[in-house]
Amino acid sequence: ALSLQKAGIPDSVISVVPAPLVIKDR
């Protein structure tokens, strides 16, 4: 998301959806 913002895409367009740490099935 930060990289896309640095590329010039507005923050209002981007939603960050992190996932938890897993060993498999990422």
mmCIF file of all heavy atoms, coordinates in Angstrom:
data_MODEL
# 
_entry.id   MODEL 
# 
loop_
_atom_site.group_PDB 
_atom_site.id 
_atom_site.type_symbol 
_atom_site.label_atom_id 
_atom_site.label_alt_id 
_atom_site.label_comp_id 
_atom_site.label_asym_id 
_atom_site.label_entity_id 
_atom_site.label_seq_id 
_atom_site.pdbx_PDB_ins_code 
_atom_site.Cartn_x 
_atom_site.Cartn_y 
_atom_site.Cartn_z 
_atom_site.occupancy 
_atom_site.B_iso_or_equiv 
_atom_site.pdbx_formal_charge 
_atom_site.auth_seq_id 
_atom_site.auth_comp_id 
_atom_site.auth_asym_id 
_atom_site.auth_atom_id 
_atom_site.pdbx_PDB_model_num 
ATOM 1   N N   . ALA A 1 1  ? 0.830  -1.208  0.000  1.00 0.00 ? 1  ALA A N   1 
ATOM 2   C CA  . ALA A 1 1  ? 0.000  0.000   0.000  1.00 0.00 ? 1  ALA A CA  1 
ATOM 3   C C   . ALA A 1 1  ? 0.862  1.255   0.000  1.00 0.00 ? 1  ALA A C   1 
ATOM 4   O O   . ALA A 1 1  ? 0.593  2.224   -0.734 1.00 0.00 ? 1  ALA A O   1 
ATOM 5   C CB  . ALA A 1 1  ? -0.929 -0.004  1.210  1.00 0.00 ? 1  ALA A CB  1 
ATOM 6   N N   . LEU A 1 2  ? 1.915  1.268   0.822  1.00 0.00 ? 2  LEU A N   1 
ATOM 7   C CA  . LEU A 1 2  ? 2.808  2.419   0.875  1.00 0.00 ? 2  LEU A CA  1 
ATOM 8   C C   . LEU A 1 2  ? 3.503  2.628   -0.466 1.00 0.00 ? 2  LEU A C   1 
ATOM 9   O O   . LEU A 1 2  ? 3.649  3.774   -0.932 1.00 0.00 ? 2  LEU A O   1 
ATOM 10  C CB  . LEU A 1 2  ? 3.852  2.222   1.973  1.00 0.00 ? 2  LEU A CB  1 
ATOM 11  C CG  . LEU A 1 2  ? 4.902  3.339   2.111  1.00 0.00 ? 2  LEU A CG  1 
ATOM 12  C CD1 . LEU A 1 2  ? 4.228  4.670   2.472  1.00 0.00 ? 2  LEU A CD1 1 
ATOM 13  C CD2 . LEU A 1 2  ? 5.958  2.966   3.142  1.00 0.00 ? 2  LEU A CD2 1 
ATOM 14  N N   . SER A 1 3  ? 3.905  1.558   -1.110 1.00 0.00 ? 3  SER A N   1 
ATOM 15  C CA  . SER A 1 3  ? 4.557  1.652   -2.419 1.00 0.00 ? 3  SER A CA  1 
ATOM 16  C C   . SER A 1 3  ? 3.610  2.254   -3.451 1.00 0.00 ? 3  SER A C   1 
ATOM 17  O O   . SER A 1 3  ? 4.022  3.076   -4.281 1.00 0.00 ? 3  SER A O   1 
ATOM 18  C CB  . SER A 1 3  ? 5.021  0.268   -2.876 1.00 0.00 ? 3  SER A CB  1 
ATOM 19  O OG  . SER A 1 3  ? 5.966  -0.280  -1.976 1.00 0.00 ? 3  SER A OG  1 
ATOM 20  N N   . LEU A 1 4  ? 2.343  1.846   -3.414 1.00 0.00 ? 4  LEU A N   1 
ATOM 21  C CA  . LEU A 1 4  ? 1.349  2.400   -4.343 1.00 0.00 ? 4  LEU A CA  1 
ATOM 22  C C   . LEU A 1 4  ? 1.111  3.887   -4.072 1.00 0.00 ? 4  LEU A C   1 
ATOM 23  O O   . LEU A 1 4  ? 0.928  4.675   -5.004 1.00 0.00 ? 4  LEU A O   1 
ATOM 24  C CB  . LEU A 1 4  ? 0.040  1.623   -4.233 1.00 0.00 ? 4  LEU A CB  1 
ATOM 25  C CG  . LEU A 1 4  ? 0.087  0.173   -4.736 1.00 0.00 ? 4  LEU A CG  1 
ATOM 26  C CD1 . LEU A 1 4  ? -1.244 -0.529  -4.456 1.00 0.00 ? 4  LEU A CD1 1 
ATOM 27  C CD2 . LEU A 1 4  ? 0.413  0.119   -6.220 1.00 0.00 ? 4  LEU A CD2 1 
ATOM 28  N N   . GLN A 1 5  ? 1.117  4.264   -2.793 1.00 0.00 ? 5  GLN A N   1 
ATOM 29  C CA  . GLN A 1 5  ? 0.969  5.674   -2.451 1.00 0.00 ? 5  GLN A CA  1 
ATOM 30  C C   . GLN A 1 5  ? 2.151  6.484   -2.980 1.00 0.00 ? 5  GLN A C   1 
ATOM 31  O O   . GLN A 1 5  ? 1.975  7.587   -3.512 1.00 0.00 ? 5  GLN A O   1 
ATOM 32  C CB  . GLN A 1 5  ? 0.855  5.838   -0.934 1.00 0.00 ? 5  GLN A CB  1 
ATOM 33  C CG  . GLN A 1 5  ? -0.444 5.296   -0.350 1.00 0.00 ? 5  GLN A CG  1 
ATOM 34  C CD  . GLN A 1 5  ? -0.420 5.271   1.170  1.00 0.00 ? 5  GLN A CD  1 
ATOM 35  O OE1 . GLN A 1 5  ? 0.300  6.048   1.798  1.00 0.00 ? 5  GLN A OE1 1 
ATOM 36  N NE2 . GLN A 1 5  ? -1.186 4.380   1.765  1.00 0.00 ? 5  GLN A NE2 1 
ATOM 37  N N   . LYS A 1 6  ? 3.357  5.943   -2.843 1.00 0.00 ? 6  LYS A N   1 
ATOM 38  C CA  . LYS A 1 6  ? 4.553  6.617   -3.345 1.00 0.00 ? 6  LYS A CA  1 
ATOM 39  C C   . LYS A 1 6  ? 4.511  6.746   -4.870 1.00 0.00 ? 6  LYS A C   1 
ATOM 40  O O   . LYS A 1 6  ? 5.103  7.662   -5.436 1.00 0.00 ? 6  LYS A O   1 
ATOM 41  C CB  . LYS A 1 6  ? 5.801  5.856   -2.923 1.00 0.00 ? 6  LYS A CB  1 
ATOM 42  C CG  . LYS A 1 6  ? 6.069  5.866   -1.423 1.00 0.00 ? 6  LYS A CG  1 
ATOM 43  C CD  . LYS A 1 6  ? 6.402  7.247   -0.913 1.00 0.00 ? 6  LYS A CD  1 
ATOM 44  C CE  . LYS A 1 6  ? 6.774  7.226   0.567  1.00 0.00 ? 6  LYS A CE  1 
ATOM 45  N NZ  . LYS A 1 6  ? 7.074  8.586   1.093  1.00 0.00 ? 6  LYS A NZ  1 
ATOM 46  N N   . ALA A 1 7  ? 3.815  5.804   -5.515 1.00 0.00 ? 7  ALA A N   1 
ATOM 47  C CA  . ALA A 1 7  ? 3.687  5.850   -6.975 1.00 0.00 ? 7  ALA A CA  1 
ATOM 48  C C   . ALA A 1 7  ? 2.695  6.913   -7.425 1.00 0.00 ? 7  ALA A C   1 
ATOM 49  O O   . ALA A 1 7  ? 2.597  7.211   -8.612 1.00 0.00 ? 7  ALA A O   1 
ATOM 50  C CB  . ALA A 1 7  ? 3.265  4.484   -7.507 1.00 0.00 ? 7  ALA A CB  1 
ATOM 51  N N   . GLY A 1 8  ? 1.954  7.482   -6.458 1.00 0.00 ? 8  GLY A N   1 
ATOM 52  C CA  . GLY A 1 8  ? 1.042  8.561   -6.793 1.00 0.00 ? 8  GLY A CA  1 
ATOM 53  C C   . GLY A 1 8  ? -0.430 8.232   -6.680 1.00 0.00 ? 8  GLY A C   1 
ATOM 54  O O   . GLY A 1 8  ? -1.288 9.076   -6.976 1.00 0.00 ? 8  GLY A O   1 
ATOM 55  N N   . ILE A 1 9  ? -0.754 7.017   -6.238 1.00 0.00 ? 9  ILE A N   1 
ATOM 56  C CA  . ILE A 1 9  ? -2.163 6.655   -6.066 1.00 0.00 ? 9  ILE A CA  1 
ATOM 57  C C   . ILE A 1 9  ? -2.660 7.220   -4.738 1.00 0.00 ? 9  ILE A C   1 
ATOM 58  O O   . ILE A 1 9  ? -2.028 7.014   -3.698 1.00 0.00 ? 9  ILE A O   1 
ATOM 59  C CB  . ILE A 1 9  ? -2.344 5.124   -6.096 1.00 0.00 ? 9  ILE A CB  1 
ATOM 60  C CG1 . ILE A 1 9  ? -1.879 4.570   -7.446 1.00 0.00 ? 9  ILE A CG1 1 
ATOM 61  C CG2 . ILE A 1 9  ? -3.796 4.738   -5.849 1.00 0.00 ? 9  ILE A CG2 1 
ATOM 62  C CD1 . ILE A 1 9  ? -1.942 3.060   -7.551 1.00 0.00 ? 9  ILE A CD1 1 
ATOM 63  N N   . PRO A 1 10 ? -3.774 7.928   -4.738 1.00 0.00 ? 10 PRO A N   1 
ATOM 64  C CA  . PRO A 1 10 ? -4.277 8.547   -3.500 1.00 0.00 ? 10 PRO A CA  1 
ATOM 65  C C   . PRO A 1 10 ? -4.553 7.522   -2.402 1.00 0.00 ? 10 PRO A C   1 
ATOM 66  O O   . PRO A 1 10 ? -5.022 6.411   -2.671 1.00 0.00 ? 10 PRO A O   1 
ATOM 67  C CB  . PRO A 1 10 ? -5.575 9.230   -3.946 1.00 0.00 ? 10 PRO A CB  1 
ATOM 68  C CG  . PRO A 1 10 ? -5.421 9.423   -5.422 1.00 0.00 ? 10 PRO A CG  1 
ATOM 69  C CD  . PRO A 1 10 ? -4.619 8.250   -5.902 1.00 0.00 ? 10 PRO A CD  1 
ATOM 70  N N   . ASP A 1 11 ? -4.266 7.928   -1.189 1.00 0.00 ? 11 ASP A N   1 
ATOM 71  C CA  . ASP A 1 11 ? -4.490 7.068   -0.030 1.00 0.00 ? 11 ASP A CA  1 
ATOM 72  C C   . ASP A 1 11 ? -5.967 6.698   0.109  1.00 0.00 ? 11 ASP A C   1 
ATOM 73  O O   . ASP A 1 11 ? -6.301 5.616   0.583  1.00 0.00 ? 11 ASP A O   1 
ATOM 74  C CB  . ASP A 1 11 ? -4.006 7.793   1.229  1.00 0.00 ? 11 ASP A CB  1 
ATOM 75  C CG  . ASP A 1 11 ? -4.222 6.968   2.483  1.00 0.00 ? 11 ASP A CG  1 
ATOM 76  O OD1 . ASP A 1 11 ? -3.702 5.840   2.546  1.00 0.00 ? 11 ASP A OD1 1 
ATOM 77  O OD2 . ASP A 1 11 ? -4.934 7.438   3.396  1.00 0.00 ? 11 ASP A OD2 1 
ATOM 78  N N   . SER A 1 12 ? -6.864 7.594   -0.323 1.00 0.00 ? 12 SER A N   1 
ATOM 79  C CA  . SER A 1 12 ? -8.300 7.344   -0.207 1.00 0.00 ? 12 SER A CA  1 
ATOM 80  C C   . SER A 1 12 ? -8.774 6.188   -1.081 1.00 0.00 ? 12 SER A C   1 
ATOM 81  O O   . SER A 1 12 ? -9.840 5.607   -0.842 1.00 0.00 ? 12 SER A O   1 
ATOM 82  C CB  . SER A 1 12 ? -9.082 8.609   -0.575 1.00 0.00 ? 12 SER A CB  1 
ATOM 83  O OG  . SER A 1 12 ? -8.766 9.021   -1.906 1.00 0.00 ? 12 SER A OG  1 
ATOM 84  N N   . VAL A 1 13 ? -7.990 5.839   -2.082 1.00 0.00 ? 13 VAL A N   1 
ATOM 85  C CA  . VAL A 1 13 ? -8.346 4.747   -2.989 1.00 0.00 ? 13 VAL A CA  1 
ATOM 86  C C   . VAL A 1 13 ? -7.910 3.390   -2.432 1.00 0.00 ? 13 VAL A C   1 
ATOM 87  O O   . VAL A 1 13 ? -8.513 2.358   -2.722 1.00 0.00 ? 13 VAL A O   1 
ATOM 88  C CB  . VAL A 1 13 ? -7.693 4.978   -4.382 1.00 0.00 ? 13 VAL A CB  1 
ATOM 89  C CG1 . VAL A 1 13 ? -7.940 3.796   -5.314 1.00 0.00 ? 13 VAL A CG1 1 
ATOM 90  C CG2 . VAL A 1 13 ? -8.207 6.262   -4.996 1.00 0.00 ? 13 VAL A CG2 1 
ATOM 91  N N   . ILE A 1 14 ? -6.874 3.417   -1.582 1.00 0.00 ? 14 ILE A N   1 
ATOM 92  C CA  . ILE A 1 14 ? -6.215 2.180   -1.133 1.00 0.00 ? 14 ILE A CA  1 
ATOM 93  C C   . ILE A 1 14 ? -6.732 1.749   0.232  1.00 0.00 ? 14 ILE A C   1 
ATOM 94  O O   . ILE A 1 14 ? -6.826 2.546   1.166  1.00 0.00 ? 14 ILE A O   1 
ATOM 95  C CB  . ILE A 1 14 ? -4.697 2.399   -1.063 1.00 0.00 ? 14 ILE A CB  1 
ATOM 96  C CG1 . ILE A 1 14 ? -4.158 2.836   -2.429 1.00 0.00 ? 14 ILE A CG1 1 
ATOM 97  C CG2 . ILE A 1 14 ? -3.993 1.132   -0.596 1.00 0.00 ? 14 ILE A CG2 1 
ATOM 98  C CD1 . ILE A 1 14 ? -2.720 3.313   -2.399 1.00 0.00 ? 14 ILE A CD1 1 
ATOM 99  N N   . SER A 1 15 ? -7.028 0.449   0.339  1.00 0.00 ? 15 SER A N   1 
ATOM 100 C CA  . SER A 1 15 ? -7.397 -0.157  1.627  1.00 0.00 ? 15 SER A CA  1 
ATOM 101 C C   . SER A 1 15 ? -6.399 -1.260  1.950  1.00 0.00 ? 15 SER A C   1 
ATOM 102 O O   . SER A 1 15 ? -6.126 -2.123  1.118  1.00 0.00 ? 15 SER A O   1 
ATOM 103 C CB  . SER A 1 15 ? -8.814 -0.736  1.575  1.00 0.00 ? 15 SER A CB  1 
ATOM 104 O OG  . SER A 1 15 ? -9.772 0.276   1.385  1.00 0.00 ? 15 SER A OG  1 
ATOM 105 N N   . VAL A 1 16 ? -5.847 -1.206  3.156  1.00 0.00 ? 16 VAL A N   1 
ATOM 106 C CA  . VAL A 1 16 ? -4.852 -2.183  3.599  1.00 0.00 ? 16 VAL A CA  1 
ATOM 107 C C   . VAL A 1 16 ? -5.550 -3.296  4.378  1.00 0.00 ? 16 VAL A C   1 
ATOM 108 O O   . VAL A 1 16 ? -6.243 -3.032  5.358  1.00 0.00 ? 16 VAL A O   1 
ATOM 109 C CB  . VAL A 1 16 ? -3.785 -1.517  4.494  1.00 0.00 ? 16 VAL A CB  1 
ATOM 110 C CG1 . VAL A 1 16 ? -2.730 -2.534  4.907  1.00 0.00 ? 16 VAL A CG1 1 
ATOM 111 C CG2 . VAL A 1 16 ? -3.148 -0.343  3.771  1.00 0.00 ? 16 VAL A CG2 1 
ATOM 112 N N   . VAL A 1 17 ? -5.352 -4.534  3.915  1.00 0.00 ? 17 VAL A N   1 
ATOM 113 C CA  . VAL A 1 17 ? -5.996 -5.676  4.577  1.00 0.00 ? 17 VAL A CA  1 
ATOM 114 C C   . VAL A 1 17 ? -4.935 -6.727  4.901  1.00 0.00 ? 17 VAL A C   1 
ATOM 115 O O   . VAL A 1 17 ? -4.714 -7.676  4.137  1.00 0.00 ? 17 VAL A O   1 
ATOM 116 C CB  . VAL A 1 17 ? -7.100 -6.292  3.694  1.00 0.00 ? 17 VAL A CB  1 
ATOM 117 C CG1 . VAL A 1 17 ? -7.880 -7.332  4.495  1.00 0.00 ? 17 VAL A CG1 1 
ATOM 118 C CG2 . VAL A 1 17 ? -8.032 -5.223  3.148  1.00 0.00 ? 17 VAL A CG2 1 
ATOM 119 N N   . PRO A 1 18 ? -4.253 -6.591  6.029  1.00 0.00 ? 18 PRO A N   1 
ATOM 120 C CA  . PRO A 1 18 ? -3.209 -7.557  6.392  1.00 0.00 ? 18 PRO A CA  1 
ATOM 121 C C   . PRO A 1 18 ? -3.785 -8.894  6.818  1.00 0.00 ? 18 PRO A C   1 
ATOM 122 O O   . PRO A 1 18 ? -4.924 -8.973  7.287  1.00 0.00 ? 18 PRO A O   1 
ATOM 123 C CB  . PRO A 1 18 ? -2.487 -6.869  7.557  1.00 0.00 ? 18 PRO A CB  1 
ATOM 124 C CG  . PRO A 1 18 ? -3.509 -5.964  8.148  1.00 0.00 ? 18 PRO A CG  1 
ATOM 125 C CD  . PRO A 1 18 ? -4.366 -5.503  7.009  1.00 0.00 ? 18 PRO A CD  1 
ATOM 126 N N   . ALA A 1 19 ? -2.995 -9.927  6.636  1.00 0.00 ? 19 ALA A N   1 
ATOM 127 C CA  . ALA A 1 19 ? -3.385 -11.280 7.036  1.00 0.00 ? 19 ALA A CA  1 
ATOM 128 C C   . ALA A 1 19 ? -2.456 -11.755 8.150  1.00 0.00 ? 19 ALA A C   1 
ATOM 129 O O   . ALA A 1 19 ? -1.325 -11.281 8.266  1.00 0.00 ? 19 ALA A O   1 
ATOM 130 C CB  . ALA A 1 19 ? -3.305 -12.220 5.841  1.00 0.00 ? 19 ALA A CB  1 
ATOM 131 N N   . PRO A 1 20 ? -2.909 -12.687 8.976  1.00 0.00 ? 20 PRO A N   1 
ATOM 132 C CA  . PRO A 1 20 ? -2.055 -13.195 10.057 1.00 0.00 ? 20 PRO A CA  1 
ATOM 133 C C   . PRO A 1 20 ? -0.960 -14.117 9.534  1.00 0.00 ? 20 PRO A C   1 
ATOM 134 O O   . PRO A 1 20 ? -1.009 -14.588 8.397  1.00 0.00 ? 20 PRO A O   1 
ATOM 135 C CB  . PRO A 1 20 ? -3.044 -13.966 10.933 1.00 0.00 ? 20 PRO A CB  1 
ATOM 136 C CG  . PRO A 1 20 ? -4.114 -14.413 9.986  1.00 0.00 ? 20 PRO A CG  1 
ATOM 137 C CD  . PRO A 1 20 ? -4.244 -13.295 8.986  1.00 0.00 ? 20 PRO A CD  1 
ATOM 138 N N   . LEU A 1 21 ? 0.019  -14.374 10.378 1.00 0.00 ? 21 LEU A N   1 
ATOM 139 C CA  . LEU A 1 21 ? 1.103  -15.286 10.033 1.00 0.00 ? 21 LEU A CA  1 
ATOM 140 C C   . LEU A 1 21 ? 0.602  -16.724 10.033 1.00 0.00 ? 21 LEU A C   1 
ATOM 141 O O   . LEU A 1 21 ? -0.017 -17.173 10.997 1.00 0.00 ? 21 LEU A O   1 
ATOM 142 C CB  . LEU A 1 21 ? 2.250  -15.141 11.044 1.00 0.00 ? 21 LEU A CB  1 
ATOM 143 C CG  . LEU A 1 21 ? 3.435  -16.100 10.858 1.00 0.00 ? 21 LEU A CG  1 
ATOM 144 C CD1 . LEU A 1 21 ? 4.149  -15.812 9.535  1.00 0.00 ? 21 LEU A CD1 1 
ATOM 145 C CD2 . LEU A 1 21 ? 4.406  -15.976 12.035 1.00 0.00 ? 21 LEU A CD2 1 
ATOM 146 N N   . VAL A 1 22 ? 0.846  -17.432 8.936  1.00 0.00 ? 22 VAL A N   1 
ATOM 147 C CA  . VAL A 1 22 ? 0.490  -18.851 8.842  1.00 0.00 ? 22 VAL A CA  1 
ATOM 148 C C   . VAL A 1 22 ? 1.652  -19.600 8.202  1.00 0.00 ? 22 VAL A C   1 
ATOM 149 O O   . VAL A 1 22 ? 2.472  -19.021 7.482  1.00 0.00 ? 22 VAL A O   1 
ATOM 150 C CB  . VAL A 1 22 ? -0.797 -19.072 8.007  1.00 0.00 ? 22 VAL A CB  1 
ATOM 151 C CG1 . VAL A 1 22 ? -2.021 -18.542 8.730  1.00 0.00 ? 22 VAL A CG1 1 
ATOM 152 C CG2 . VAL A 1 22 ? -0.669 -18.444 6.629  1.00 0.00 ? 22 VAL A CG2 1 
ATOM 153 N N   . ILE A 1 23 ? 1.719  -20.897 8.444  1.00 0.00 ? 23 ILE A N   1 
ATOM 154 C CA  . ILE A 1 23 ? 2.791  -21.711 7.889  1.00 0.00 ? 23 ILE A CA  1 
ATOM 155 C C   . ILE A 1 23 ? 2.488  -22.093 6.445  1.00 0.00 ? 23 ILE A C   1 
ATOM 156 O O   . ILE A 1 23 ? 3.373  -22.167 5.597  1.00 0.00 ? 23 ILE A O   1 
ATOM 157 C CB  . ILE A 1 23 ? 3.002  -22.975 8.755  1.00 0.00 ? 23 ILE A CB  1 
ATOM 158 C CG1 . ILE A 1 23 ? 3.418  -22.572 10.168 1.00 0.00 ? 23 ILE A CG1 1 
ATOM 159 C CG2 . ILE A 1 23 ? 4.052  -23.890 8.133  1.00 0.00 ? 23 ILE A CG2 1 
ATOM 160 C CD1 . ILE A 1 23 ? 3.542  -23.735 11.128 1.00 0.00 ? 23 ILE A CD1 1 
ATOM 161 N N   . LYS A 1 24 ? 1.213  -22.341 6.148  1.00 0.00 ? 24 LYS A N   1 
ATOM 162 C CA  . LYS A 1 24 ? 0.814  -22.733 4.799  1.00 0.00 ? 24 LYS A CA  1 
ATOM 163 C C   . LYS A 1 24 ? -0.505 -22.030 4.455  1.00 0.00 ? 24 LYS A C   1 
ATOM 164 O O   . LYS A 1 24 ? -1.093 -21.333 5.280  1.00 0.00 ? 24 LYS A O   1 
ATOM 165 C CB  . LYS A 1 24 ? 0.648  -24.240 4.686  1.00 0.00 ? 24 LYS A CB  1 
ATOM 166 C CG  . LYS A 1 24 ? -0.432 -24.822 5.584  1.00 0.00 ? 24 LYS A CG  1 
ATOM 167 C CD  . LYS A 1 24 ? -0.601 -26.307 5.347  1.00 0.00 ? 24 LYS A CD  1 
ATOM 168 C CE  . LYS A 1 24 ? -1.764 -26.860 6.168  1.00 0.00 ? 24 LYS A CE  1 
ATOM 169 N NZ  . LYS A 1 24 ? -2.006 -28.292 5.871  1.00 0.00 ? 24 LYS A NZ  1 
ATOM 170 N N   . ASP A 1 25 ? -0.947 -22.214 3.211  1.00 0.00 ? 25 ASP A N   1 
ATOM 171 C CA  . ASP A 1 25 ? -2.215 -21.624 2.740  1.00 0.00 ? 25 ASP A CA  1 
ATOM 172 C C   . ASP A 1 25 ? -2.245 -20.109 2.911  1.00 0.00 ? 25 ASP A C   1 
ATOM 173 O O   . ASP A 1 25 ? -3.232 -19.520 3.353  1.00 0.00 ? 25 ASP A O   1 
ATOM 174 C CB  . ASP A 1 25 ? -3.409 -22.248 3.483  1.00 0.00 ? 25 ASP A CB  1 
ATOM 175 C CG  . ASP A 1 25 ? -3.518 -23.743 3.242  1.00 0.00 ? 25 ASP A CG  1 
ATOM 176 O OD1 . ASP A 1 25 ? -3.145 -24.201 2.148  1.00 0.00 ? 25 ASP A OD1 1 
ATOM 177 O OD2 . ASP A 1 25 ? -3.967 -24.452 4.155  1.00 0.00 ? 25 ASP A OD2 1 
ATOM 178 N N   . ARG A 1 26 ? -1.160 -19.445 2.539  1.00 0.00 ? 26 ARG A N   1 
ATOM 179 C CA  . ARG A 1 26 ? -1.072 -17.995 2.717  1.00 0.00 ? 26 ARG A CA  1 
ATOM 180 C C   . ARG A 1 26 ? -2.056 -17.252 1.814  1.00 0.00 ? 26 ARG A C   1 
ATOM 181 O O   . ARG A 1 26 ? -2.657 -16.257 2.228  1.00 0.00 ? 26 ARG A O   1 
ATOM 182 C CB  . ARG A 1 26 ? 0.364  -17.532 2.458  1.00 0.00 ? 26 ARG A CB  1 
ATOM 183 C CG  . ARG A 1 26 ? 1.355  -18.082 3.479  1.00 0.00 ? 26 ARG A CG  1 
ATOM 184 C CD  . ARG A 1 26 ? 2.761  -17.635 3.184  1.00 0.00 ? 26 ARG A CD  1 
ATOM 185 N NE  . ARG A 1 26 ? 3.702  -18.221 4.143  1.00 0.00 ? 26 ARG A NE  1 
ATOM 186 C CZ  . ARG A 1 26 ? 5.013  -18.034 4.120  1.00 0.00 ? 26 ARG A CZ  1 
ATOM 187 N NH1 . ARG A 1 26 ? 5.545  -17.254 3.193  1.00 0.00 ? 26 ARG A NH1 1 
ATOM 188 N NH2 . ARG A 1 26 ? 5.797  -18.594 5.022  1.00 0.00 ? 26 ARG A NH2 1 
# 
